[in-house]
N, C-alpha and C. Protein backbone atom coordinates (compact mmCIF):
# COMPACT_ATOMS: atom_id res chain seq x y z
N MET A 1 25.43 49.09 -11.91
CA MET A 1 25.19 47.68 -12.12
C MET A 1 26.39 46.88 -11.59
N LYS A 2 26.14 45.92 -10.78
CA LYS A 2 27.19 45.13 -10.16
C LYS A 2 27.73 44.09 -11.14
N LYS A 3 29.08 43.94 -11.16
CA LYS A 3 29.70 42.95 -12.04
C LYS A 3 29.38 41.55 -11.54
N LEU A 4 29.13 40.66 -12.47
CA LEU A 4 28.91 39.26 -12.13
C LEU A 4 30.26 38.56 -12.07
N ILE A 5 30.47 37.80 -11.03
CA ILE A 5 31.70 37.03 -10.89
C ILE A 5 31.42 35.62 -11.36
N LYS A 6 32.27 35.13 -12.25
CA LYS A 6 32.08 33.79 -12.81
C LYS A 6 32.13 32.73 -11.72
N GLU A 7 31.48 31.62 -11.96
CA GLU A 7 31.46 30.52 -11.00
C GLU A 7 32.65 29.59 -11.19
N GLU A 8 33.80 30.17 -11.37
CA GLU A 8 35.01 29.36 -11.43
C GLU A 8 35.83 29.67 -10.19
N LYS A 9 36.76 28.80 -9.88
CA LYS A 9 37.56 29.00 -8.67
C LYS A 9 38.54 30.14 -8.87
N ASN A 10 38.73 30.91 -7.81
CA ASN A 10 39.68 32.02 -7.79
C ASN A 10 40.40 32.01 -6.44
N TRP A 11 41.52 32.68 -6.39
CA TRP A 11 42.24 32.86 -5.12
C TRP A 11 41.69 34.10 -4.43
N TYR A 12 41.27 33.94 -3.17
CA TYR A 12 40.78 35.05 -2.35
C TYR A 12 41.67 35.19 -1.12
N VAL A 13 41.72 36.39 -0.57
CA VAL A 13 42.52 36.65 0.63
C VAL A 13 41.59 36.59 1.83
N LEU A 14 41.90 35.67 2.74
CA LEU A 14 41.09 35.46 3.94
C LEU A 14 41.88 35.91 5.16
N TYR A 15 41.30 36.80 5.96
CA TYR A 15 41.94 37.24 7.20
C TYR A 15 41.72 36.17 8.27
N SER A 16 42.75 36.00 9.10
CA SER A 16 42.65 35.06 10.22
C SER A 16 42.87 35.83 11.52
N ARG A 17 42.62 35.15 12.62
CA ARG A 17 42.98 35.73 13.91
C ARG A 17 44.49 35.85 13.96
N PRO A 18 45.01 36.76 14.76
CA PRO A 18 46.48 36.91 14.85
C PRO A 18 47.15 35.60 15.26
N ASN A 19 48.26 35.31 14.61
CA ASN A 19 49.09 34.12 14.87
C ASN A 19 48.35 32.80 14.64
N ALA A 20 47.32 32.80 13.81
CA ALA A 20 46.56 31.57 13.54
C ALA A 20 46.60 31.19 12.06
N GLU A 21 47.47 31.82 11.29
CA GLU A 21 47.49 31.61 9.85
C GLU A 21 47.77 30.17 9.45
N LYS A 22 48.83 29.59 10.01
CA LYS A 22 49.23 28.23 9.64
C LYS A 22 48.17 27.21 10.08
N LYS A 23 47.62 27.39 11.25
CA LYS A 23 46.58 26.49 11.76
C LYS A 23 45.32 26.58 10.90
N LEU A 24 44.93 27.80 10.52
CA LEU A 24 43.76 27.99 9.67
C LEU A 24 43.97 27.30 8.32
N ALA A 25 45.14 27.46 7.72
CA ALA A 25 45.43 26.82 6.43
C ALA A 25 45.33 25.30 6.56
N ALA A 26 45.86 24.75 7.65
CA ALA A 26 45.81 23.29 7.86
C ALA A 26 44.37 22.82 8.02
N LEU A 27 43.56 23.54 8.79
CA LEU A 27 42.16 23.16 8.99
C LEU A 27 41.34 23.27 7.70
N LEU A 28 41.64 24.28 6.89
CA LEU A 28 40.95 24.42 5.60
C LEU A 28 41.30 23.24 4.69
N LYS A 29 42.57 22.85 4.68
CA LYS A 29 42.99 21.71 3.85
C LYS A 29 42.32 20.42 4.32
N GLU A 30 42.16 20.25 5.63
CA GLU A 30 41.47 19.07 6.17
C GLU A 30 40.03 18.99 5.66
N ARG A 31 39.42 20.14 5.42
CA ARG A 31 38.03 20.18 4.96
C ARG A 31 37.93 20.20 3.44
N GLY A 32 39.06 20.00 2.76
CA GLY A 32 39.04 19.91 1.31
C GLY A 32 39.11 21.24 0.57
N ILE A 33 39.45 22.30 1.26
CA ILE A 33 39.56 23.63 0.64
C ILE A 33 41.04 23.91 0.39
N THR A 34 41.39 24.27 -0.83
CA THR A 34 42.77 24.58 -1.17
C THR A 34 43.15 25.89 -0.50
N ALA A 35 44.17 25.85 0.35
CA ALA A 35 44.62 27.03 1.07
C ALA A 35 46.13 27.12 1.00
N TYR A 36 46.65 28.33 1.00
CA TYR A 36 48.09 28.56 0.95
C TYR A 36 48.47 29.64 1.95
N CYS A 37 49.34 29.27 2.87
CA CYS A 37 49.87 30.22 3.84
C CYS A 37 51.38 30.32 3.57
N PRO A 38 51.81 31.34 2.82
CA PRO A 38 53.24 31.46 2.51
C PRO A 38 54.05 31.75 3.77
N THR A 39 55.15 31.00 3.94
CA THR A 39 56.01 31.18 5.11
C THR A 39 57.46 31.32 4.70
N ARG A 40 58.24 31.87 5.60
CA ARG A 40 59.69 31.96 5.44
C ARG A 40 60.33 31.48 6.74
N THR A 41 61.56 31.02 6.66
CA THR A 41 62.27 30.53 7.84
C THR A 41 63.03 31.68 8.49
N GLU A 42 62.85 31.81 9.79
CA GLU A 42 63.58 32.81 10.58
C GLU A 42 64.23 32.10 11.77
N ILE A 43 65.33 32.65 12.22
CA ILE A 43 65.95 32.12 13.43
C ILE A 43 65.50 33.01 14.58
N ARG A 44 64.88 32.40 15.58
CA ARG A 44 64.41 33.12 16.76
C ARG A 44 65.33 32.78 17.93
N TYR A 45 65.65 33.79 18.71
CA TYR A 45 66.57 33.62 19.83
C TYR A 45 65.83 33.76 21.16
N TRP A 46 66.12 32.84 22.07
CA TRP A 46 65.64 32.90 23.44
C TRP A 46 66.86 32.96 24.34
N SER A 47 66.66 33.14 25.61
CA SER A 47 67.79 33.25 26.53
C SER A 47 68.61 31.96 26.60
N ASP A 48 67.98 30.82 26.38
CA ASP A 48 68.68 29.54 26.51
C ASP A 48 68.90 28.79 25.20
N ARG A 49 68.34 29.29 24.09
CA ARG A 49 68.49 28.56 22.83
C ARG A 49 68.12 29.44 21.64
N LYS A 50 68.41 28.91 20.47
CA LYS A 50 67.91 29.53 19.25
C LYS A 50 67.28 28.44 18.40
N LYS A 51 66.29 28.83 17.60
CA LYS A 51 65.53 27.84 16.85
C LYS A 51 65.06 28.43 15.53
N LYS A 52 65.04 27.58 14.49
CA LYS A 52 64.47 28.00 13.21
C LYS A 52 62.96 27.81 13.28
N VAL A 53 62.23 28.85 12.92
CA VAL A 53 60.77 28.78 12.93
C VAL A 53 60.22 29.26 11.59
N GLN A 54 59.06 28.73 11.21
CA GLN A 54 58.38 29.17 9.99
C GLN A 54 57.44 30.31 10.35
N VAL A 55 57.65 31.47 9.72
CA VAL A 55 56.88 32.67 10.01
C VAL A 55 56.06 33.03 8.76
N PRO A 56 54.76 33.30 8.92
CA PRO A 56 53.94 33.69 7.76
C PRO A 56 54.45 34.97 7.10
N VAL A 57 54.46 34.97 5.79
CA VAL A 57 54.89 36.14 5.02
C VAL A 57 53.79 37.20 5.02
N LEU A 58 52.55 36.75 4.99
CA LEU A 58 51.40 37.66 5.01
C LEU A 58 50.74 37.57 6.38
N PRO A 59 51.07 38.46 7.31
CA PRO A 59 50.51 38.37 8.66
C PRO A 59 48.99 38.41 8.66
N SER A 60 48.40 37.48 9.39
CA SER A 60 46.94 37.36 9.54
C SER A 60 46.20 37.14 8.23
N MET A 61 46.88 36.56 7.22
CA MET A 61 46.22 36.31 5.93
C MET A 61 46.55 34.92 5.42
N VAL A 62 45.55 34.31 4.77
CA VAL A 62 45.70 33.02 4.11
C VAL A 62 45.04 33.16 2.74
N LEU A 63 45.64 32.58 1.72
CA LEU A 63 45.05 32.59 0.39
C LEU A 63 44.24 31.31 0.21
N VAL A 64 42.98 31.44 -0.24
CA VAL A 64 42.12 30.28 -0.44
C VAL A 64 41.65 30.24 -1.89
N TYR A 65 41.60 29.03 -2.45
CA TYR A 65 41.21 28.82 -3.84
C TYR A 65 39.83 28.17 -3.85
N ILE A 66 38.79 28.99 -4.03
CA ILE A 66 37.41 28.50 -3.96
C ILE A 66 36.54 29.24 -4.95
N LYS A 67 35.32 28.70 -5.14
CA LYS A 67 34.32 29.38 -5.96
C LYS A 67 33.70 30.51 -5.13
N PHE A 68 33.22 31.52 -5.81
CA PHE A 68 32.60 32.67 -5.13
C PHE A 68 31.45 32.22 -4.24
N SER A 69 30.65 31.27 -4.72
CA SER A 69 29.48 30.82 -3.97
C SER A 69 29.84 30.00 -2.73
N GLU A 70 31.09 29.50 -2.67
CA GLU A 70 31.52 28.68 -1.54
C GLU A 70 32.27 29.47 -0.46
N ARG A 71 32.34 30.78 -0.61
CA ARG A 71 33.14 31.59 0.30
C ARG A 71 32.73 31.46 1.77
N ASN A 72 31.45 31.31 2.03
CA ASN A 72 30.99 31.23 3.42
C ASN A 72 31.38 29.94 4.12
N ASN A 73 31.77 28.92 3.36
CA ASN A 73 32.17 27.64 3.96
C ASN A 73 33.40 27.77 4.86
N VAL A 74 34.23 28.77 4.62
CA VAL A 74 35.46 28.93 5.42
C VAL A 74 35.14 29.40 6.84
N PHE A 75 33.98 29.98 7.05
CA PHE A 75 33.65 30.52 8.37
C PHE A 75 33.19 29.46 9.35
N ASP A 76 33.18 28.20 8.93
CA ASP A 76 32.94 27.09 9.86
C ASP A 76 34.12 26.93 10.80
N ILE A 77 35.25 27.49 10.42
CA ILE A 77 36.46 27.42 11.24
C ILE A 77 36.57 28.71 12.05
N PRO A 78 36.64 28.61 13.37
CA PRO A 78 36.60 29.80 14.23
C PRO A 78 37.70 30.83 13.98
N SER A 79 38.87 30.42 13.51
CA SER A 79 39.96 31.39 13.34
C SER A 79 39.85 32.19 12.03
N ALA A 80 38.88 31.87 11.17
CA ALA A 80 38.63 32.65 9.95
C ALA A 80 37.83 33.88 10.35
N VAL A 81 38.31 35.06 9.96
CA VAL A 81 37.66 36.30 10.38
C VAL A 81 36.79 36.89 9.29
N ARG A 82 37.41 37.25 8.15
CA ARG A 82 36.66 37.85 7.04
C ARG A 82 37.52 37.85 5.79
N PHE A 83 36.91 38.16 4.66
CA PHE A 83 37.65 38.27 3.42
C PHE A 83 38.12 39.71 3.22
N LEU A 84 39.21 39.87 2.50
CA LEU A 84 39.71 41.18 2.14
C LEU A 84 38.88 41.69 0.96
N TYR A 85 38.46 42.93 1.02
CA TYR A 85 37.69 43.54 -0.06
C TYR A 85 38.48 44.68 -0.69
N TRP A 86 38.28 44.87 -1.99
CA TRP A 86 38.90 45.95 -2.73
C TRP A 86 37.83 46.52 -3.65
N ALA A 87 37.54 47.79 -3.51
CA ALA A 87 36.51 48.48 -4.30
C ALA A 87 35.15 47.77 -4.18
N LYS A 88 34.79 47.43 -2.96
CA LYS A 88 33.52 46.80 -2.61
C LYS A 88 33.32 45.43 -3.24
N GLU A 89 34.40 44.81 -3.69
CA GLU A 89 34.38 43.46 -4.25
C GLU A 89 35.40 42.62 -3.49
N PRO A 90 35.17 41.31 -3.35
CA PRO A 90 36.18 40.47 -2.71
C PRO A 90 37.49 40.53 -3.51
N ALA A 91 38.58 40.77 -2.81
CA ALA A 91 39.88 40.88 -3.48
C ALA A 91 40.30 39.51 -4.00
N MET A 92 40.63 39.47 -5.29
CA MET A 92 41.10 38.23 -5.91
C MET A 92 42.57 38.39 -6.27
N VAL A 93 43.31 37.30 -6.10
CA VAL A 93 44.71 37.27 -6.46
C VAL A 93 44.82 36.30 -7.63
N SER A 94 45.54 36.70 -8.67
CA SER A 94 45.65 35.82 -9.83
C SER A 94 46.53 34.61 -9.51
N THR A 95 46.27 33.53 -10.21
CA THR A 95 47.06 32.32 -10.04
C THR A 95 48.53 32.61 -10.38
N LYS A 96 48.74 33.47 -11.34
CA LYS A 96 50.10 33.86 -11.74
C LYS A 96 50.84 34.52 -10.56
N GLU A 97 50.15 35.37 -9.81
CA GLU A 97 50.78 36.03 -8.66
C GLU A 97 51.06 35.05 -7.53
N VAL A 98 50.15 34.09 -7.31
CA VAL A 98 50.35 33.08 -6.26
C VAL A 98 51.55 32.21 -6.63
N GLU A 99 51.63 31.79 -7.89
CA GLU A 99 52.76 30.98 -8.34
C GLU A 99 54.07 31.75 -8.21
N ALA A 100 54.05 33.03 -8.55
CA ALA A 100 55.25 33.86 -8.43
C ALA A 100 55.68 33.99 -6.96
N LEU A 101 54.72 34.11 -6.07
CA LEU A 101 55.01 34.17 -4.64
C LEU A 101 55.64 32.87 -4.17
N LYS A 102 55.07 31.73 -4.59
CA LYS A 102 55.63 30.43 -4.23
C LYS A 102 57.05 30.29 -4.75
N GLU A 103 57.27 30.67 -6.01
CA GLU A 103 58.60 30.56 -6.62
C GLU A 103 59.62 31.42 -5.89
N SER A 104 59.23 32.64 -5.57
CA SER A 104 60.18 33.56 -4.92
C SER A 104 60.54 33.08 -3.52
N LEU A 105 59.60 32.45 -2.82
CA LEU A 105 59.88 31.94 -1.48
C LEU A 105 60.71 30.67 -1.52
N ASP A 106 60.53 29.86 -2.58
CA ASP A 106 61.28 28.62 -2.72
C ASP A 106 62.71 28.85 -3.19
N SER A 107 62.92 29.92 -3.94
CA SER A 107 64.26 30.17 -4.48
C SER A 107 65.09 30.99 -3.51
N LYS A 108 66.36 30.85 -3.63
CA LYS A 108 67.30 31.63 -2.81
C LYS A 108 67.94 32.70 -3.68
N LYS A 109 67.24 33.11 -4.71
CA LYS A 109 67.79 34.08 -5.65
C LYS A 109 67.83 35.47 -5.04
N THR A 110 68.77 36.26 -5.53
CA THR A 110 68.87 37.66 -5.13
C THR A 110 68.86 38.51 -6.39
N ILE A 111 68.60 39.77 -6.24
CA ILE A 111 68.65 40.69 -7.37
C ILE A 111 70.06 41.26 -7.42
N ASP A 112 70.66 41.22 -8.60
CA ASP A 112 72.02 41.71 -8.76
C ASP A 112 72.00 43.24 -8.92
N ALA A 113 72.21 43.92 -7.82
CA ALA A 113 72.22 45.39 -7.81
C ALA A 113 73.00 45.86 -6.60
N LYS A 114 73.48 47.06 -6.66
CA LYS A 114 74.19 47.65 -5.53
C LYS A 114 73.24 48.55 -4.77
N THR A 115 73.24 48.43 -3.44
CA THR A 115 72.28 49.20 -2.65
C THR A 115 72.55 50.70 -2.70
N GLU A 116 73.81 51.08 -2.92
CA GLU A 116 74.06 52.52 -2.95
C GLU A 116 73.44 53.18 -4.19
N LYS A 117 73.13 52.38 -5.21
CA LYS A 117 72.50 52.92 -6.42
C LYS A 117 70.98 52.95 -6.28
N ILE A 118 70.44 52.17 -5.37
CA ILE A 118 68.98 52.10 -5.21
C ILE A 118 68.54 53.07 -4.12
N LYS A 119 67.60 53.89 -4.45
CA LYS A 119 67.06 54.87 -3.51
C LYS A 119 65.54 54.69 -3.42
N PRO A 120 64.94 55.09 -2.31
CA PRO A 120 63.48 55.03 -2.22
C PRO A 120 62.82 55.78 -3.37
N GLY A 121 61.79 55.16 -3.94
CA GLY A 121 61.09 55.74 -5.08
C GLY A 121 61.50 55.12 -6.41
N HIS A 122 62.70 54.49 -6.47
CA HIS A 122 63.14 53.85 -7.71
C HIS A 122 62.29 52.61 -7.99
N LYS A 123 62.16 52.29 -9.26
CA LYS A 123 61.46 51.05 -9.64
C LYS A 123 62.52 50.02 -10.00
N ILE A 124 62.34 48.78 -9.50
CA ILE A 124 63.27 47.71 -9.83
C ILE A 124 62.50 46.54 -10.42
N ASP A 125 63.19 45.81 -11.31
CA ASP A 125 62.61 44.65 -11.96
C ASP A 125 62.68 43.45 -11.03
N LEU A 126 61.57 42.79 -10.78
CA LEU A 126 61.52 41.65 -9.87
C LEU A 126 61.49 40.31 -10.59
N SER A 127 61.77 40.30 -11.89
CA SER A 127 61.76 39.07 -12.67
C SER A 127 62.71 38.00 -12.12
N PRO A 128 63.92 38.36 -11.63
CA PRO A 128 64.81 37.31 -11.10
C PRO A 128 64.24 36.59 -9.88
N LEU A 129 63.25 37.17 -9.22
CA LEU A 129 62.64 36.54 -8.04
C LEU A 129 61.40 35.73 -8.39
N GLY A 130 61.08 35.61 -9.68
CA GLY A 130 59.91 34.83 -10.08
C GLY A 130 58.70 35.67 -10.43
N PHE A 131 58.76 36.98 -10.24
CA PHE A 131 57.65 37.85 -10.59
C PHE A 131 57.83 38.27 -12.04
N LYS A 132 57.22 37.56 -12.96
CA LYS A 132 57.41 37.79 -14.39
C LYS A 132 56.83 39.15 -14.79
N ASP A 133 57.66 39.91 -15.51
CA ASP A 133 57.27 41.24 -16.00
C ASP A 133 56.67 42.11 -14.91
N GLN A 134 57.24 42.06 -13.72
CA GLN A 134 56.72 42.80 -12.58
C GLN A 134 57.80 43.77 -12.08
N LYS A 135 57.40 44.99 -11.85
CA LYS A 135 58.30 45.97 -11.26
C LYS A 135 57.74 46.37 -9.90
N GLY A 136 58.65 46.70 -9.01
CA GLY A 136 58.25 47.14 -7.69
C GLY A 136 58.89 48.48 -7.37
N LYS A 137 58.24 49.24 -6.53
CA LYS A 137 58.74 50.56 -6.15
C LYS A 137 59.44 50.44 -4.80
N VAL A 138 60.69 50.88 -4.72
CA VAL A 138 61.48 50.79 -3.49
C VAL A 138 60.92 51.75 -2.46
N LYS A 139 60.66 51.20 -1.26
CA LYS A 139 60.14 52.02 -0.17
C LYS A 139 61.25 52.43 0.79
N TYR A 140 62.18 51.47 1.08
CA TYR A 140 63.19 51.69 2.11
C TYR A 140 64.40 50.81 1.79
N VAL A 141 65.61 51.32 2.05
CA VAL A 141 66.84 50.56 1.82
C VAL A 141 67.65 50.53 3.10
N SER A 142 68.17 49.32 3.45
CA SER A 142 69.00 49.16 4.64
C SER A 142 70.02 48.05 4.36
N GLY A 143 71.29 48.40 4.35
CA GLY A 143 72.32 47.41 4.09
C GLY A 143 72.14 46.81 2.71
N ASN A 144 72.08 45.45 2.63
CA ASN A 144 71.89 44.82 1.33
C ASN A 144 70.43 44.38 1.14
N GLN A 145 69.52 44.99 1.86
CA GLN A 145 68.10 44.67 1.74
C GLN A 145 67.30 45.92 1.44
N CYS A 146 66.22 45.71 0.71
CA CYS A 146 65.30 46.83 0.49
C CYS A 146 63.88 46.31 0.54
N TRP A 147 62.97 47.18 0.89
CA TRP A 147 61.56 46.85 0.98
C TRP A 147 60.91 47.42 -0.27
N VAL A 148 60.20 46.55 -1.00
CA VAL A 148 59.64 46.91 -2.30
C VAL A 148 58.13 46.78 -2.26
N ILE A 149 57.44 47.78 -2.78
CA ILE A 149 55.98 47.77 -2.84
C ILE A 149 55.56 47.07 -4.13
N LEU A 150 54.76 46.01 -3.97
CA LEU A 150 54.15 45.33 -5.12
C LEU A 150 52.78 45.96 -5.32
N GLU A 151 52.68 46.88 -6.25
CA GLU A 151 51.45 47.65 -6.40
C GLU A 151 50.27 46.80 -6.84
N SER A 152 50.52 45.71 -7.58
CA SER A 152 49.40 44.89 -8.07
C SER A 152 48.65 44.22 -6.93
N ILE A 153 49.35 43.89 -5.82
CA ILE A 153 48.66 43.26 -4.69
C ILE A 153 48.66 44.16 -3.46
N GLY A 154 49.30 45.33 -3.57
CA GLY A 154 49.29 46.29 -2.47
C GLY A 154 50.03 45.82 -1.25
N TYR A 155 51.17 45.17 -1.45
CA TYR A 155 51.91 44.62 -0.32
C TYR A 155 53.38 44.99 -0.44
N VAL A 156 54.08 44.99 0.68
CA VAL A 156 55.50 45.30 0.71
C VAL A 156 56.27 44.03 0.99
N VAL A 157 57.31 43.75 0.18
CA VAL A 157 58.15 42.58 0.39
C VAL A 157 59.58 43.02 0.62
N LYS A 158 60.32 42.21 1.38
CA LYS A 158 61.74 42.49 1.64
C LYS A 158 62.55 41.74 0.61
N VAL A 159 63.47 42.42 -0.06
CA VAL A 159 64.31 41.84 -1.10
C VAL A 159 65.76 41.94 -0.67
N THR A 160 66.50 40.83 -0.79
CA THR A 160 67.93 40.82 -0.50
C THR A 160 68.68 41.06 -1.80
N LEU A 161 69.59 42.00 -1.77
CA LEU A 161 70.36 42.35 -2.97
C LEU A 161 71.73 41.68 -2.92
N ALA A 162 72.23 41.31 -4.08
CA ALA A 162 73.56 40.70 -4.18
C ALA A 162 74.62 41.76 -3.92
N ASP A 163 75.73 41.34 -3.29
CA ASP A 163 76.83 42.27 -3.02
C ASP A 163 77.68 42.49 -4.23
């Protein structure tokens, strides 16, 4: 028996064409659909200059806040590809996780830990980054940065550690 999904708004993960995440989010907002494309600032270097650019944190993905019955409305925009599914159901992200993602990207906080003590496989507390009561599993450590798996959303994030 298939679970019934309530007719309330939820956050869904929408795949976009490559390098079209920010444009898709802007077009969705123009049409009255709440969309969030998390970005971070990176410095890109060219032979004649360097420039700060906004790079999507979730490549080829945009988070949309819509009712289940309105999901097909996003496909009016050509750069929308499909929704992410998990266990044959559309993958939903909780509002708490979206807010934590926004908080962690807005803050310049670091986790107070020494990298020589952190090894792949260890679990670290991500509360200082805005992920309340959330632990992540360390995948890789390099210098003062480590890549942490967020098991609740199945994604890897880069964390900068304090010296």
